[in-house]
């Protein structure tokens, strides 16, 4: 995967990507691999790049989920600021 200027993304460059940019880069890797046009060595490099991008996306999603849970759950681990569905019954 390149940065649009032909340079491969390294670990630091991937870590600096937003979730959306990393997902776009991962989609490009998948498209390239699925096209079947890449030679074996390039396919292996693309696969490695894709795995790094996947892991980065997963880490960003996990961090977002943790932030949401912290906002939504009370100190006791119960939902905060919500009303049960059957509260009106």
PDB file of N, CA and C in Angstrom:
ATOM      1  N   UNK A   1       0.852  -1.168   0.000  1.00  0.00           N
ATOM      2  CA  UNK A   1       0.000   0.000   0.000  1.00  0.00           C
ATOM      3  C   UNK A   1       0.891   1.221   0.000  1.00  0.00           C
ATOM      4  N   UNK A   2       0.514   2.186  -0.760  1.00  0.00           N
ATOM      5  CA  UNK A   2       1.322   3.391  -0.846  1.00  0.00           C
ATOM      6  C   UNK A   2       0.557   4.583  -0.307  1.00  0.00           C
ATOM      7  N   UNK A   3       1.286   5.676  -0.139  1.00  0.00           N
ATOM      8  CA  UNK A   3       0.688   6.896   0.384  1.00  0.00           C
ATOM      9  C   UNK A   3       0.127   7.798  -0.718  1.00  0.00           C
ATOM     10  N   UNK A   4      -0.031   7.269  -1.904  1.00  0.00           N
ATOM     11  CA  UNK A   4      -0.521   8.057  -3.015  1.00  0.00           C
ATOM     12  C   UNK A   4       0.609   8.641  -3.843  1.00  0.00           C
ATOM     13  N   UNK A   5       1.832   8.577  -3.324  1.00  0.00           N
ATOM     14  CA  UNK A   5       2.996   9.083  -4.034  1.00  0.00           C
ATOM     15  C   UNK A   5       3.972   7.944  -4.334  1.00  0.00           C
ATOM     16  N   UNK A   6       3.498   6.700  -4.208  1.00  0.00           N
ATOM     17  CA  UNK A   6       4.332   5.561  -4.514  1.00  0.00           C
ATOM     18  C   UNK A   6       5.158   5.049  -3.349  1.00  0.00           C
ATOM     19  N   UNK A   7       5.071   5.676  -2.185  1.00  0.00           N
ATOM     20  CA  UNK A   7       5.839   5.247  -1.014  1.00  0.00           C
ATOM     21  C   UNK A   7       5.011   4.273  -0.189  1.00  0.00           C
ATOM     22  N   UNK A   8       5.627   3.143   0.188  1.00  0.00           N
ATOM     23  CA  UNK A   8       4.934   2.165   1.038  1.00  0.00           C
ATOM     24  C   UNK A   8       4.706   2.754   2.422  1.00  0.00           C
ATOM     25  N   UNK A   9       3.559   2.435   3.007  1.00  0.00           N
ATOM     26  CA  UNK A   9       3.256   2.887   4.363  1.00  0.00           C
ATOM     27  C   UNK A   9       3.987   1.995   5.352  1.00  0.00           C
ATOM     28  N   UNK A  10       4.741   2.598   6.268  1.00  0.00           N
ATOM     29  CA  UNK A  10       5.396   1.811   7.307  1.00  0.00           C
ATOM     30  C   UNK A  10       4.521   1.828   8.555  1.00  0.00           C
ATOM     31  N   UNK A  11       4.987   1.172   9.611  1.00  0.00           N
ATOM     32  CA  UNK A  11       4.214   1.072  10.841  1.00  0.00           C
ATOM     33  C   UNK A  11       3.844   2.424  11.423  1.00  0.00           C
ATOM     34  N   UNK A  12       4.782   3.372  11.407  1.00  0.00           N
ATOM     35  CA  UNK A  12       4.506   4.706  11.945  1.00  0.00           C
ATOM     36  C   UNK A  12       3.462   5.435  11.111  1.00  0.00           C
ATOM     37  N   UNK A  13       3.562   5.305   9.798  1.00  0.00           N
ATOM     38  CA  UNK A  13       2.590   5.959   8.920  1.00  0.00           C
ATOM     39  C   UNK A  13       1.200   5.367   9.130  1.00  0.00           C
ATOM     40  N   UNK A  14       1.131   4.061   9.303  1.00  0.00           N
ATOM     41  CA  UNK A  14      -0.160   3.415   9.546  1.00  0.00           C
ATOM     42  C   UNK A  14      -0.725   3.872  10.881  1.00  0.00           C
ATOM     43  N   UNK A  15       0.110   3.942  11.915  1.00  0.00           N
ATOM     44  CA  UNK A  15      -0.347   4.359  13.246  1.00  0.00           C
ATOM     45  C   UNK A  15      -0.898   5.778  13.237  1.00  0.00           C
ATOM     46  N   UNK A  16      -0.434   6.595  12.306  1.00  0.00           N
ATOM     47  CA  UNK A  16      -0.887   7.982  12.232  1.00  0.00           C
ATOM     48  C   UNK A  16      -2.196   8.137  11.459  1.00  0.00           C
ATOM     49  N   UNK A  17      -2.643   7.071  10.788  1.00  0.00           N
ATOM     50  CA  UNK A  17      -3.864   7.159   9.982  1.00  0.00           C
ATOM     51  C   UNK A  17      -5.111   7.188  10.848  1.00  0.00           C
ATOM     52  N   UNK A  18      -6.095   7.945  10.397  1.00  0.00           N
ATOM     53  CA  UNK A  18      -7.411   7.885  11.029  1.00  0.00           C
ATOM     54  C   UNK A  18      -8.025   6.532  10.685  1.00  0.00           C
ATOM     55  N   UNK A  19      -9.068   6.174  11.383  1.00  0.00           N
ATOM     56  CA  UNK A  19      -9.753   4.917  11.093  1.00  0.00           C
ATOM     57  C   UNK A  19     -10.216   4.903   9.640  1.00  0.00           C
ATOM     58  N   UNK A  20     -10.809   5.996   9.204  1.00  0.00           N
ATOM     59  CA  UNK A  20     -11.359   6.060   7.853  1.00  0.00           C
ATOM     60  C   UNK A  20     -10.268   5.923   6.788  1.00  0.00           C
ATOM     61  N   UNK A  21      -9.135   6.594   6.992  1.00  0.00           N
ATOM     62  CA  UNK A  21      -8.040   6.500   6.029  1.00  0.00           C
ATOM     63  C   UNK A  21      -7.435   5.096   6.014  1.00  0.00           C
ATOM     64  N   UNK A  22      -7.301   4.489   7.189  1.00  0.00           N
ATOM     65  CA  UNK A  22      -6.764   3.128   7.263  1.00  0.00           C
ATOM     66  C   UNK A  22      -7.709   2.141   6.589  1.00  0.00           C
ATOM     67  N   UNK A  23      -9.009   2.336   6.779  1.00  0.00           N
ATOM     68  CA  UNK A  23      -9.987   1.451   6.139  1.00  0.00           C
ATOM     69  C   UNK A  23      -9.933   1.596   4.621  1.00  0.00           C
ATOM     70  N   UNK A  24      -9.804   2.831   4.139  1.00  0.00           N
ATOM     71  CA  UNK A  24      -9.672   3.047   2.692  1.00  0.00           C
ATOM     72  C   UNK A  24      -8.413   2.355   2.153  1.00  0.00           C
ATOM     73  N   UNK A  25      -7.316   2.490   2.879  1.00  0.00           N
ATOM     74  CA  UNK A  25      -6.064   1.851   2.466  1.00  0.00           C
ATOM     75  C   UNK A  25      -6.220   0.332   2.465  1.00  0.00           C
ATOM     76  N   UNK A  26      -6.899  -0.208   3.471  1.00  0.00           N
ATOM     77  CA  UNK A  26      -7.133  -1.650   3.529  1.00  0.00           C
ATOM     78  C   UNK A  26      -7.993  -2.110   2.357  1.00  0.00           C
ATOM     79  N   UNK A  27      -9.002  -1.329   2.015  1.00  0.00           N
ATOM     80  CA  UNK A  27      -9.848  -1.673   0.871  1.00  0.00           C
ATOM     81  C   UNK A  27      -9.028  -1.688  -0.417  1.00  0.00           C
ATOM     82  N   UNK A  28      -8.068  -0.771  -0.560  1.00  0.00           N
ATOM     83  CA  UNK A  28      -7.207  -0.756  -1.738  1.00  0.00           C
ATOM     84  C   UNK A  28      -6.337  -2.010  -1.794  1.00  0.00           C
ATOM     85  N   UNK A  29      -5.828  -2.419  -0.647  1.00  0.00           N
ATOM     86  CA  UNK A  29      -5.014  -3.634  -0.582  1.00  0.00           C
ATOM     87  C   UNK A  29      -5.851  -4.831  -1.014  1.00  0.00           C
ATOM     88  N   UNK A  30      -7.054  -4.925  -0.484  1.00  0.00           N
ATOM     89  CA  UNK A  30      -7.930  -6.055  -0.817  1.00  0.00           C
ATOM     90  C   UNK A  30      -8.243  -6.063  -2.310  1.00  0.00           C
ATOM     91  N   UNK A  31      -8.570  -4.890  -2.860  1.00  0.00           N
ATOM     92  CA  UNK A  31      -8.858  -4.822  -4.299  1.00  0.00           C
ATOM     93  C   UNK A  31      -7.657  -5.283  -5.127  1.00  0.00           C
ATOM     94  N   UNK A  32      -6.469  -4.856  -4.734  1.00  0.00           N
ATOM     95  CA  UNK A  32      -5.248  -5.229  -5.466  1.00  0.00           C
ATOM     96  C   UNK A  32      -5.023  -6.742  -5.389  1.00  0.00           C
ATOM     97  N   UNK A  33      -5.213  -7.297  -4.194  1.00  0.00           N
ATOM     98  CA  UNK A  33      -5.035  -8.746  -4.042  1.00  0.00           C
ATOM     99  C   UNK A  33      -6.090  -9.520  -4.830  1.00  0.00           C
ATOM    100  N   UNK A  34      -7.333  -9.053  -4.789  1.00  0.00           N
ATOM    101  CA  UNK A  34      -8.408  -9.753  -5.484  1.00  0.00           C
ATOM    102  C   UNK A  34      -8.291  -9.648  -6.996  1.00  0.00           C
ATOM    103  N   UNK A  35      -7.603  -8.621  -7.475  1.00  0.00           N
ATOM    104  CA  UNK A  35      -7.468  -8.450  -8.922  1.00  0.00           C
ATOM    105  C   UNK A  35      -6.628  -9.561  -9.543  1.00  0.00           C
ATOM    106  N   UNK A  36      -5.719 -10.138  -8.743  1.00  0.00           N
ATOM    107  CA  UNK A  36      -4.860 -11.201  -9.246  1.00  0.00           C
ATOM    108  C   UNK A  36      -3.705 -10.698 -10.092  1.00  0.00           C
ATOM    109  N   UNK A  37      -3.537  -9.384 -10.181  1.00  0.00           N
ATOM    110  CA  UNK A  37      -2.479  -8.811 -11.009  1.00  0.00           C
ATOM    111  C   UNK A  37      -1.125  -8.759 -10.312  1.00  0.00           C
ATOM    112  N   UNK A  38      -1.112  -8.870  -8.992  1.00  0.00           N
ATOM    113  CA  UNK A  38       0.141  -8.745  -8.240  1.00  0.00           C
ATOM    114  C   UNK A  38       0.946 -10.039  -8.338  1.00  0.00           C
ATOM    115  N   UNK A  39       2.238  -9.889  -8.472  1.00  0.00           N
ATOM    116  CA  UNK A  39       3.128 -11.054  -8.469  1.00  0.00           C
ATOM    117  C   UNK A  39       3.209 -11.598  -7.045  1.00  0.00           C
ATOM    118  N   UNK A  40       3.767 -12.766  -6.877  1.00  0.00           N
ATOM    119  CA  UNK A  40       3.799 -13.440  -5.578  1.00  0.00           C
ATOM    120  C   UNK A  40       4.439 -12.577  -4.491  1.00  0.00           C
ATOM    121  N   UNK A  41       5.621 -12.034  -4.750  1.00  0.00           N
ATOM    122  CA  UNK A  41       6.300 -11.227  -3.731  1.00  0.00           C
ATOM    123  C   UNK A  41       5.485  -9.990  -3.359  1.00  0.00           C
ATOM    124  N   UNK A  42       4.900  -9.357  -4.360  1.00  0.00           N
ATOM    125  CA  UNK A  42       4.064  -8.185  -4.091  1.00  0.00           C
ATOM    126  C   UNK A  42       2.822  -8.591  -3.310  1.00  0.00           C
ATOM    127  N   UNK A  43       2.250  -9.732  -3.636  1.00  0.00           N
ATOM    128  CA  UNK A  43       1.067 -10.219  -2.920  1.00  0.00           C
ATOM    129  C   UNK A  43       1.377 -10.435  -1.439  1.00  0.00           C
ATOM    130  N   UNK A  44       2.552 -10.981  -1.165  1.00  0.00           N
ATOM    131  CA  UNK A  44       2.944 -11.204   0.229  1.00  0.00           C
ATOM    132  C   UNK A  44       3.098  -9.877   0.952  1.00  0.00           C
ATOM    133  N   UNK A  45       3.748  -8.909   0.303  1.00  0.00           N
ATOM    134  CA  UNK A  45       3.890  -7.579   0.899  1.00  0.00           C
ATOM    135  C   UNK A  45       2.538  -6.930   1.126  1.00  0.00           C
ATOM    136  N   UNK A  46       1.643  -7.060   0.150  1.00  0.00           N
ATOM    137  CA  UNK A  46       0.304  -6.498   0.291  1.00  0.00           C
ATOM    138  C   UNK A  46      -0.447  -7.151   1.451  1.00  0.00           C
ATOM    139  N   UNK A  47      -0.297  -8.476   1.573  1.00  0.00           N
ATOM    140  CA  UNK A  47      -0.953  -9.192   2.660  1.00  0.00           C
ATOM    141  C   UNK A  47      -0.444  -8.697   4.014  1.00  0.00           C
ATOM    142  N   UNK A  48       0.880  -8.529   4.129  1.00  0.00           N
ATOM    143  CA  UNK A  48       1.464  -8.010   5.374  1.00  0.00           C
ATOM    144  C   UNK A  48       0.940  -6.613   5.664  1.00  0.00           C
ATOM    145  N   UNK A  49       0.901  -5.779   4.639  1.00  0.00           N
ATOM    146  CA  UNK A  49       0.391  -4.415   4.794  1.00  0.00           C
ATOM    147  C   UNK A  49      -1.072  -4.454   5.233  1.00  0.00           C
ATOM    148  N   UNK A  50      -1.836  -5.319   4.593  1.00  0.00           N
ATOM    149  CA  UNK A  50      -3.256  -5.448   4.936  1.00  0.00           C
ATOM    150  C   UNK A  50      -3.459  -5.878   6.377  1.00  0.00           C
ATOM    151  N   UNK A  51      -2.627  -6.790   6.852  1.00  0.00           N
ATOM    152  CA  UNK A  51      -2.741  -7.247   8.242  1.00  0.00           C
ATOM    153  C   UNK A  51      -2.438  -6.107   9.213  1.00  0.00           C
ATOM    154  N   UNK A  52      -1.436  -5.295   8.907  1.00  0.00           N
ATOM    155  CA  UNK A  52      -1.121  -4.137   9.759  1.00  0.00           C
ATOM    156  C   UNK A  52      -2.270  -3.139   9.763  1.00  0.00           C
ATOM    157  N   UNK A  53      -2.848  -2.903   8.599  1.00  0.00           N
ATOM    158  CA  UNK A  53      -3.990  -1.983   8.504  1.00  0.00           C
ATOM    159  C   UNK A  53      -5.198  -2.535   9.247  1.00  0.00           C
ATOM    160  N   UNK A  54      -5.447  -3.847   9.112  1.00  0.00           N
ATOM    161  CA  UNK A  54      -6.571  -4.477   9.819  1.00  0.00           C
ATOM    162  C   UNK A  54      -6.406  -4.337  11.322  1.00  0.00           C
ATOM    163  N   UNK A  55      -5.195  -4.610  11.804  1.00  0.00           N
ATOM    164  CA  UNK A  55      -4.931  -4.505  13.239  1.00  0.00           C
ATOM    165  C   UNK A  55      -5.105  -3.073  13.719  1.00  0.00           C
ATOM    166  N   UNK A  56      -4.675  -2.107  12.923  1.00  0.00           N
ATOM    167  CA  UNK A  56      -4.839  -0.696  13.285  1.00  0.00           C
ATOM    168  C   UNK A  56      -6.319  -0.335  13.354  1.00  0.00           C
ATOM    169  N   UNK A  57      -7.086  -0.757  12.355  1.00  0.00           N
ATOM    170  CA  UNK A  57      -8.530  -0.484  12.358  1.00  0.00           C
ATOM    171  C   UNK A  57      -9.200  -1.120  13.571  1.00  0.00           C
ATOM    172  N   UNK A  58      -8.832  -2.359  13.889  1.00  0.00           N
ATOM    173  CA  UNK A  58      -9.414  -3.042  15.038  1.00  0.00           C
ATOM    174  C   UNK A  58      -9.079  -2.314  16.331  1.00  0.00           C
ATOM    175  N   UNK A  59      -7.841  -1.855  16.462  1.00  0.00           N
ATOM    176  CA  UNK A  59      -7.439  -1.113  17.664  1.00  0.00           C
ATOM    177  C   UNK A  59      -8.229   0.179  17.792  1.00  0.00           C
ATOM    178  N   UNK A  60      -8.435   0.864  16.669  1.00  0.00           N
ATOM    179  CA  UNK A  60      -9.210   2.115  16.706  1.00  0.00           C
ATOM    180  C   UNK A  60     -10.663   1.839  17.090  1.00  0.00           C
ATOM    181  N   UNK A  61     -11.231   0.754  16.550  1.00  0.00           N
ATOM    182  CA  UNK A  61     -12.603   0.383  16.907  1.00  0.00           C
ATOM    183  C   UNK A  61     -12.706   0.005  18.380  1.00  0.00           C
ATOM    184  N   UNK A  62     -11.745  -0.756  18.883  1.00  0.00           N
ATOM    185  CA  UNK A  62     -11.748  -1.148  20.291  1.00  0.00           C
ATOM    186  C   UNK A  62     -11.660   0.077  21.194  1.00  0.00           C
ATOM    187  N   UNK A  63     -10.819   1.037  20.827  1.00  0.00           N
ATOM    188  CA  UNK A  63     -10.681   2.265  21.616  1.00  0.00           C
ATOM    189  C   UNK A  63     -11.980   3.067  21.597  1.00  0.00           C
ATOM    190  N   UNK A  64     -12.616   3.129  20.448  1.00  0.00           N
ATOM    191  CA  UNK A  64     -13.890   3.850  20.346  1.00  0.00           C
ATOM    192  C   UNK A  64     -14.963   3.164  21.196  1.00  0.00           C
ATOM    193  N   UNK A  65     -14.993   1.850  21.147  1.00  0.00           N
ATOM    194  CA  UNK A  65     -15.976   1.114  21.948  1.00  0.00           C
ATOM    195  C   UNK A  65     -15.744   1.350  23.437  1.00  0.00           C
ATOM    196  N   UNK A  66     -14.501   1.347  23.859  1.00  0.00           N
ATOM    197  CA  UNK A  66     -14.187   1.592  25.270  1.00  0.00           C
ATOM    198  C   UNK A  66     -14.629   2.986  25.685  1.00  0.00           C
ATOM    199  N   UNK A  67     -14.424   3.964  24.819  1.00  0.00           N
ATOM    200  CA  UNK A  67     -14.853   5.331  25.130  1.00  0.00           C
ATOM    201  C   UNK A  67     -16.366   5.416  25.254  1.00  0.00           C
ATOM    202  N   UNK A  68     -17.074   4.740  24.343  1.00  0.00           N
ATOM    203  CA  UNK A  68     -18.542   4.752  24.388  1.00  0.00           C
ATOM    204  C   UNK A  68     -19.035   4.066  25.647  1.00  0.00           C
ATOM    205  N   UNK A  69     -18.449   2.927  26.000  1.00  0.00           N
ATOM    206  CA  UNK A  69     -18.862   2.221  27.208  1.00  0.00           C
ATOM    207  C   UNK A  69     -18.608   3.074  28.446  1.00  0.00           C
ATOM    208  N   UNK A  70     -17.524   3.811  28.456  1.00  0.00           N
ATOM    209  CA  UNK A  70     -17.222   4.676  29.591  1.00  0.00           C
ATOM    210  C   UNK A  70     -18.268   5.785  29.718  1.00  0.00           C
ATOM    211  N   UNK A  71     -18.732   6.286  28.598  1.00  0.00           N
ATOM    212  CA  UNK A  71     -19.752   7.332  28.599  1.00  0.00           C
ATOM    213  C   UNK A  71     -21.103   6.770  29.014  1.00  0.00           C
ATOM    214  N   UNK A  72     -21.446   5.584  28.524  1.00  0.00           N
ATOM    215  CA  UNK A  72     -22.778   5.019  28.684  1.00  0.00           C
ATOM    216  C   UNK A  72     -22.955   4.282  30.011  1.00  0.00           C
ATOM    217  N   UNK A  73     -21.893   3.699  30.566  1.00  0.00           N
ATOM    218  CA  UNK A  73     -22.035   2.907  31.780  1.00  0.00           C
ATOM    219  C   UNK A  73     -21.755   3.737  33.031  1.00  0.00           C
ATOM    220  N   UNK A  74     -22.523   3.461  34.071  1.00  0.00           N
ATOM    221  CA  UNK A  74     -22.306   4.116  35.356  1.00  0.00           C
ATOM    222  C   UNK A  74     -21.100   3.489  36.046  1.00  0.00           C
ATOM    223  N   UNK A  75     -20.734   4.002  37.190  1.00  0.00           N
ATOM    224  CA  UNK A  75     -19.604   3.475  37.946  1.00  0.00           C
ATOM    225  C   UNK A  75     -19.825   2.014  38.340  1.00  0.00           C
ATOM    226  N   UNK A  76     -21.082   1.611  38.497  1.00  0.00           N
ATOM    227  CA  UNK A  76     -21.401   0.229  38.873  1.00  0.00           C
ATOM    228  C   UNK A  76     -21.456  -0.690  37.662  1.00  0.00           C
ATOM    229  N   UNK A  77     -21.220  -0.156  36.477  1.00  0.00           N
ATOM    230  CA  UNK A  77     -21.240  -0.983  35.279  1.00  0.00           C
ATOM    231  C   UNK A  77     -22.617  -1.144  34.673  1.00  0.00           C
ATOM    232  N   UNK A  78     -23.581  -0.392  35.167  1.00  0.00           N
ATOM    233  CA  UNK A  78     -24.933  -0.443  34.616  1.00  0.00           C
ATOM    234  C   UNK A  78     -25.135   0.714  33.646  1.00  0.00           C
ATOM    235  N   UNK A  79     -26.021   0.541  32.677  1.00  0.00           N
ATOM    236  CA  UNK A  79     -26.283   1.641  31.749  1.00  0.00           C
ATOM    237  C   UNK A  79     -26.728   2.891  32.495  1.00  0.00           C
ATOM    238  N   UNK A  80     -26.191   4.011  32.097  1.00  0.00           N
ATOM    239  CA  UNK A  80     -26.535   5.297  32.711  1.00  0.00           C
ATOM    240  C   UNK A  80     -27.282   6.145  31.694  1.00  0.00           C
ATOM    241  N   UNK A  81     -28.251   6.886  32.169  1.00  0.00           N
ATOM    242  CA  UNK A  81     -28.960   7.806  31.289  1.00  0.00           C
ATOM    243  C   UNK A  81     -29.913   7.141  30.324  1.00  0.00           C
ATOM    244  N   UNK A  82     -30.290   5.897  30.604  1.00  0.00           N
ATOM    245  CA  UNK A  82     -31.240   5.215  29.740  1.00  0.00           C
ATOM    246  C   UNK A  82     -32.452   4.818  30.560  1.00  0.00           C
ATOM    247  N   UNK A  83     -33.537   4.593  29.869  1.00  0.00           N
ATOM    248  CA  UNK A  83     -34.768   4.157  30.505  1.00  0.00           C
ATOM    249  C   UNK A  83     -35.121   2.794  29.931  1.00  0.00           C
ATOM    250  N   UNK A  84     -35.434   1.819  30.794  1.00  0.00           N
ATOM    251  CA  UNK A  84     -35.819   0.501  30.274  1.00  0.00           C
ATOM    252  C   UNK A  84     -36.987   0.612  29.310  1.00  0.00           C
ATOM    253  N   UNK A  85     -37.048  -0.289  28.316  1.00  0.00           N
ATOM    254  CA  UNK A  85     -38.111  -0.258  27.345  1.00  0.00           C
ATOM    255  C   UNK A  85     -39.494  -0.408  27.961  1.00  0.00           C
ATOM    256  N   UNK A  86     -39.596  -1.166  29.053  1.00  0.00           N
ATOM    257  CA  UNK A  86     -40.908  -1.405  29.653  1.00  0.00           C
ATOM    258  C   UNK A  86     -41.230  -0.428  30.759  1.00  0.00           C
ATOM    259  N   UNK A  87     -40.566   0.705  30.835  1.00  0.00           N
ATOM    260  CA  UNK A  87     -40.796   1.682  31.906  1.00  0.00           C
ATOM    261  C   UNK A  87     -42.177   2.315  31.821  1.00  0.00           C
ATOM    262  N   UNK A  88     -42.760   2.402  30.616  1.00  0.00           N
ATOM    263  CA  UNK A  88     -44.064   3.019  30.448  1.00  0.00           C
ATOM    264  C   UNK A  88     -45.189   2.059  30.761  1.00  0.00           C
ATOM    265  N   UNK A  89     -44.922   0.767  30.871  1.00  0.00           N
ATOM    266  CA  UNK A  89     -45.975  -0.221  31.073  1.00  0.00           C
ATOM    267  C   UNK A  89     -46.410  -0.248  32.506  1.00  0.00           C
TER     268      UNK A  89
END
